[in-house]
Amino acid sequence: MAFSTEDLTEAKRQIDSTLHKLRETIKTLEQKENPQQYRSQITLAKRRVDAFEIAVSLIEKEIAEKSRA
């Protein structure tokens, strides 16, 4: 499936926004009085950050390839 550069750029922007929110959520949960109580939520958020970082990397690669063409 082919995506336009504009579509890819917007997808990256949305993912970057979500990444920012997830990172802030992780900070908040880790600063709670008893962060062990939130361990599963922290783990899930960290795994989502990892997945979104992979997605951003792939989107950036695709945008770079399109700009070379």
C-alpha atoms as a PDB file:
ATOM      1  CA  MET A   1       0.000   0.000   0.000  1.00  0.00           C
ATOM      2  CA  ALA A   2       1.428   3.370  -0.991  1.00  0.00           C
ATOM      3  CA  PHE A   3       1.096   6.404   1.236  1.00  0.00           C
ATOM      4  CA  SER A   4       1.723  10.009   0.306  1.00  0.00           C
ATOM      5  CA  THR A   5       4.449  12.000   1.999  1.00  0.00           C
ATOM      6  CA  GLU A   6       1.732  14.118   3.576  1.00  0.00           C
ATOM      7  CA  ASP A   7       0.025  11.023   5.011  1.00  0.00           C
ATOM      8  CA  LEU A   8       3.314   9.760   6.419  1.00  0.00           C
ATOM      9  CA  THR A   9       4.192  13.148   7.885  1.00  0.00           C
ATOM     10  CA  GLU A  10       0.813  13.435   9.596  1.00  0.00           C
ATOM     11  CA  ALA A  11       1.060   9.879  10.934  1.00  0.00           C
ATOM     12  CA  LYS A  12       4.493  10.683  12.362  1.00  0.00           C
ATOM     13  CA  ARG A  13       3.164  13.863  13.955  1.00  0.00           C
ATOM     14  CA  GLN A  14       0.340  11.944  15.608  1.00  0.00           C
ATOM     15  CA  ILE A  15       2.670   9.218  16.853  1.00  0.00           C
ATOM     16  CA  ASP A  16       5.118  11.811  18.206  1.00  0.00           C
ATOM     17  CA  SER A  17       2.240  13.385  20.146  1.00  0.00           C
ATOM     18  CA  THR A  18       1.218  10.016  21.565  1.00  0.00           C
ATOM     19  CA  LEU A  19       4.837   9.241  22.463  1.00  0.00           C
ATOM     20  CA  HIS A  20       5.085  12.482  24.400  1.00  0.00           C
ATOM     21  CA  LYS A  21       1.916  11.661  26.334  1.00  0.00           C
ATOM     22  CA  LEU A  22       3.077   8.113  27.056  1.00  0.00           C
ATOM     23  CA  ARG A  23       6.444   9.314  28.340  1.00  0.00           C
ATOM     24  CA  GLU A  24       4.715  11.800  30.627  1.00  0.00           C
ATOM     25  CA  THR A  25       2.409   9.046  31.862  1.00  0.00           C
ATOM     26  CA  ILE A  26       5.405   6.835  32.653  1.00  0.00           C
ATOM     27  CA  LYS A  27       7.053   9.664  34.605  1.00  0.00           C
ATOM     28  CA  THR A  28       3.861  10.295  36.550  1.00  0.00           C
ATOM     29  CA  LEU A  29       3.337   6.648  37.409  1.00  0.00           C
ATOM     30  CA  GLU A  30       6.977   6.167  38.421  1.00  0.00           C
ATOM     31  CA  GLN A  31       6.735   9.170  40.757  1.00  0.00           C
ATOM     32  CA  LYS A  32       3.676   7.861  42.570  1.00  0.00           C
ATOM     33  CA  GLU A  33       4.003   6.994  46.245  1.00  0.00           C
ATOM     34  CA  ASN A  34       4.014   3.261  45.502  1.00  0.00           C
ATOM     35  CA  PRO A  35       5.120   2.784  41.867  1.00  0.00           C
ATOM     36  CA  GLN A  36       5.177  -1.021  42.274  1.00  0.00           C
ATOM     37  CA  GLN A  37       1.391  -0.835  42.398  1.00  0.00           C
ATOM     38  CA  TYR A  38       1.470   0.504  38.815  1.00  0.00           C
ATOM     39  CA  ARG A  39       4.112  -1.872  37.483  1.00  0.00           C
ATOM     40  CA  SER A  40       1.886  -3.446  34.827  1.00  0.00           C
ATOM     41  CA  GLN A  41       0.717  -0.044  33.531  1.00  0.00           C
ATOM     42  CA  ILE A  42       4.319   1.209  33.434  1.00  0.00           C
ATOM     43  CA  THR A  43       5.461  -1.906  31.578  1.00  0.00           C
ATOM     44  CA  LEU A  44       2.634  -1.589  29.071  1.00  0.00           C
ATOM     45  CA  ALA A  45       3.373   2.095  28.476  1.00  0.00           C
ATOM     46  CA  LYS A  46       7.098   1.367  27.981  1.00  0.00           C
ATOM     47  CA  ARG A  47       6.306  -1.390  25.469  1.00  0.00           C
ATOM     48  CA  ARG A  48       4.024   0.989  23.597  1.00  0.00           C
ATOM     49  CA  VAL A  49       6.791   3.596  23.530  1.00  0.00           C
ATOM     50  CA  ASP A  50       9.142   1.001  22.031  1.00  0.00           C
ATOM     51  CA  ALA A  51       6.575   0.026  19.396  1.00  0.00           C
ATOM     52  CA  PHE A  52       5.823   3.628  18.453  1.00  0.00           C
ATOM     53  CA  GLU A  53       9.544   4.405  18.205  1.00  0.00           C
ATOM     54  CA  ILE A  54       9.871   1.558  15.692  1.00  0.00           C
ATOM     55  CA  ALA A  55       6.909   2.945  13.754  1.00  0.00           C
ATOM     56  CA  VAL A  56       8.430   6.445  13.689  1.00  0.00           C
ATOM     57  CA  SER A  57      11.729   5.033  12.470  1.00  0.00           C
ATOM     58  CA  LEU A  58      10.018   3.165   9.640  1.00  0.00           C
ATOM     59  CA  ILE A  59       7.957   6.216   8.691  1.00  0.00           C
ATOM     60  CA  GLU A  60      11.081   8.396   8.627  1.00  0.00           C
ATOM     61  CA  LYS A  61      12.820   5.825   6.425  1.00  0.00           C
ATOM     62  CA  GLU A  62       9.869   5.808   4.031  1.00  0.00           C
ATOM     63  CA  ILE A  63       9.764   9.619   3.890  1.00  0.00           C
ATOM     64  CA  ALA A  64      13.512   9.725   3.180  1.00  0.00           C
ATOM     65  CA  GLU A  65      13.143   7.195   0.373  1.00  0.00           C
ATOM     66  CA  LYS A  66      10.311   9.202  -1.170  1.00  0.00           C
ATOM     67  CA  SER A  67      12.348  12.411  -1.046  1.00  0.00           C
ATOM     68  CA  ARG A  68      15.236  10.692  -2.900  1.00  0.00           C
ATOM     69  CA  ALA A  69      12.946   9.449  -5.663  1.00  0.00           C
END
